[in-house]
């Protein structure tokens, strides 16, 4: 078995938790096995894609709303979006 999952199962036993997918994701984040900037980029991109169709192409307003929501600068949001556009 995977060492990560074994470690997670041990963590669950210790804290009397039932292992599940959401718990595993939280565990991976809490153990800092994923760089916080990766999580930030993923979250911003997911929210942007979800909001953009409802904003009728008004990217600037969407970026400003996301900057406020995630406590980031608009420039940071634009940078994340540009990075994604290059892929």
C-alpha atoms as a PDB file:
ATOM      1  CA  UNK A   1       0.000   0.000   0.000  1.00  0.00           C
ATOM      2  CA  UNK A   2       0.886   3.617  -0.392  1.00  0.00           C
ATOM      3  CA  UNK A   3       2.890   5.067   2.524  1.00  0.00           C
ATOM      4  CA  UNK A   4       0.884   8.291   2.437  1.00  0.00           C
ATOM      5  CA  UNK A   5      -2.403   6.457   2.827  1.00  0.00           C
ATOM      6  CA  UNK A   6      -0.988   4.298   5.632  1.00  0.00           C
ATOM      7  CA  UNK A   7       0.105   7.423   7.427  1.00  0.00           C
ATOM      8  CA  UNK A   8      -3.358   8.925   6.951  1.00  0.00           C
ATOM      9  CA  UNK A   9      -5.038   5.781   8.278  1.00  0.00           C
ATOM     10  CA  UNK A  10      -2.816   5.885  11.377  1.00  0.00           C
ATOM     11  CA  UNK A  11      -3.727   9.544  11.849  1.00  0.00           C
ATOM     12  CA  UNK A  12      -7.432   8.675  11.620  1.00  0.00           C
ATOM     13  CA  UNK A  13      -7.107   5.862  14.164  1.00  0.00           C
ATOM     14  CA  UNK A  14      -5.246   8.146  16.562  1.00  0.00           C
ATOM     15  CA  UNK A  15      -7.944  10.831  16.289  1.00  0.00           C
ATOM     16  CA  UNK A  16     -10.876   8.391  16.061  1.00  0.00           C
ATOM     17  CA  UNK A  17     -11.853   9.563  12.592  1.00  0.00           C
ATOM     18  CA  UNK A  18     -13.302   7.607   9.704  1.00  0.00           C
ATOM     19  CA  UNK A  19     -10.987   7.800   6.656  1.00  0.00           C
ATOM     20  CA  UNK A  20     -12.591   9.395   3.598  1.00  0.00           C
ATOM     21  CA  UNK A  21     -11.536  11.391   0.524  1.00  0.00           C
ATOM     22  CA  UNK A  22     -12.239  14.811   2.022  1.00  0.00           C
ATOM     23  CA  UNK A  23     -10.312  13.904   5.141  1.00  0.00           C
ATOM     24  CA  UNK A  24      -7.387  12.692   3.053  1.00  0.00           C
ATOM     25  CA  UNK A  25      -7.267  15.959   1.139  1.00  0.00           C
ATOM     26  CA  UNK A  26      -7.371  17.938   4.374  1.00  0.00           C
ATOM     27  CA  UNK A  27      -4.637  15.718   5.803  1.00  0.00           C
ATOM     28  CA  UNK A  28      -2.400  16.282   2.769  1.00  0.00           C
ATOM     29  CA  UNK A  29      -2.876  20.053   3.038  1.00  0.00           C
ATOM     30  CA  UNK A  30      -2.345  20.083   6.813  1.00  0.00           C
ATOM     31  CA  UNK A  31       0.849  18.057   6.455  1.00  0.00           C
ATOM     32  CA  UNK A  32       2.037  20.657   3.913  1.00  0.00           C
ATOM     33  CA  UNK A  33       2.588  18.001   1.261  1.00  0.00           C
ATOM     34  CA  UNK A  34       1.154  20.376  -1.334  1.00  0.00           C
ATOM     35  CA  UNK A  35       2.625  23.822  -1.780  1.00  0.00           C
ATOM     36  CA  UNK A  36       0.070  26.453  -0.656  1.00  0.00           C
ATOM     37  CA  UNK A  37       0.627  28.411  -3.877  1.00  0.00           C
ATOM     38  CA  UNK A  38      -0.583  25.406  -5.895  1.00  0.00           C
ATOM     39  CA  UNK A  39      -3.776  25.280  -3.835  1.00  0.00           C
ATOM     40  CA  UNK A  40      -4.213  29.033  -4.234  1.00  0.00           C
ATOM     41  CA  UNK A  41      -3.832  28.859  -8.021  1.00  0.00           C
ATOM     42  CA  UNK A  42      -6.215  25.923  -8.291  1.00  0.00           C
ATOM     43  CA  UNK A  43      -8.842  27.675  -6.186  1.00  0.00           C
ATOM     44  CA  UNK A  44      -8.575  30.979  -8.062  1.00  0.00           C
ATOM     45  CA  UNK A  45      -8.817  29.272 -11.453  1.00  0.00           C
ATOM     46  CA  UNK A  46     -11.768  27.131 -10.391  1.00  0.00           C
ATOM     47  CA  UNK A  47     -13.659  30.140  -9.032  1.00  0.00           C
ATOM     48  CA  UNK A  48     -12.824  32.252 -12.080  1.00  0.00           C
ATOM     49  CA  UNK A  49     -14.157  29.595 -14.442  1.00  0.00           C
ATOM     50  CA  UNK A  50     -17.296  29.199 -12.349  1.00  0.00           C
ATOM     51  CA  UNK A  51     -17.989  32.946 -12.259  1.00  0.00           C
ATOM     52  CA  UNK A  52     -16.885  34.032 -15.710  1.00  0.00           C
ATOM     53  CA  UNK A  53     -19.917  32.751 -17.650  1.00  0.00           C
ATOM     54  CA  UNK A  54     -22.280  34.457 -15.197  1.00  0.00           C
ATOM     55  CA  UNK A  55     -20.293  37.688 -15.420  1.00  0.00           C
ATOM     56  CA  UNK A  56     -20.911  37.820 -19.193  1.00  0.00           C
ATOM     57  CA  UNK A  57     -17.263  38.244 -20.104  1.00  0.00           C
ATOM     58  CA  UNK A  58     -16.564  41.012 -17.604  1.00  0.00           C
ATOM     59  CA  UNK A  59     -13.180  39.689 -16.582  1.00  0.00           C
ATOM     60  CA  UNK A  60     -12.062  42.804 -14.711  1.00  0.00           C
ATOM     61  CA  UNK A  61     -15.030  42.701 -12.348  1.00  0.00           C
ATOM     62  CA  UNK A  62     -14.540  38.978 -11.789  1.00  0.00           C
ATOM     63  CA  UNK A  63     -10.851  39.498 -11.045  1.00  0.00           C
ATOM     64  CA  UNK A  64     -11.642  42.273  -8.583  1.00  0.00           C
ATOM     65  CA  UNK A  65     -14.241  40.108  -6.834  1.00  0.00           C
ATOM     66  CA  UNK A  66     -11.787  37.214  -6.546  1.00  0.00           C
ATOM     67  CA  UNK A  67      -9.036  39.500  -5.278  1.00  0.00           C
ATOM     68  CA  UNK A  68     -11.364  40.683  -2.540  1.00  0.00           C
ATOM     69  CA  UNK A  69     -12.580  37.182  -1.705  1.00  0.00           C
ATOM     70  CA  UNK A  70      -9.105  35.635  -1.444  1.00  0.00           C
ATOM     71  CA  UNK A  71      -7.417  38.737  -0.011  1.00  0.00           C
ATOM     72  CA  UNK A  72      -5.036  38.973  -2.957  1.00  0.00           C
ATOM     73  CA  UNK A  73      -4.185  41.830  -5.266  1.00  0.00           C
ATOM     74  CA  UNK A  74      -5.895  42.062  -8.644  1.00  0.00           C
ATOM     75  CA  UNK A  75      -2.438  41.835 -10.166  1.00  0.00           C
ATOM     76  CA  UNK A  76      -1.883  38.455  -8.487  1.00  0.00           C
ATOM     77  CA  UNK A  77      -5.192  37.158  -9.849  1.00  0.00           C
ATOM     78  CA  UNK A  78      -4.320  38.385 -13.369  1.00  0.00           C
ATOM     79  CA  UNK A  79      -0.929  36.698 -13.062  1.00  0.00           C
ATOM     80  CA  UNK A  80      -2.524  33.373 -12.117  1.00  0.00           C
ATOM     81  CA  UNK A  81      -4.902  33.644 -15.079  1.00  0.00           C
ATOM     82  CA  UNK A  82      -2.097  34.517 -17.513  1.00  0.00           C
ATOM     83  CA  UNK A  83      -0.037  31.557 -16.304  1.00  0.00           C
ATOM     84  CA  UNK A  84      -2.977  29.275 -17.042  1.00  0.00           C
ATOM     85  CA  UNK A  85      -3.541  30.794 -20.492  1.00  0.00           C
ATOM     86  CA  UNK A  86       0.033  29.858 -21.504  1.00  0.00           C
ATOM     87  CA  UNK A  87      -0.614  26.135 -20.884  1.00  0.00           C
END
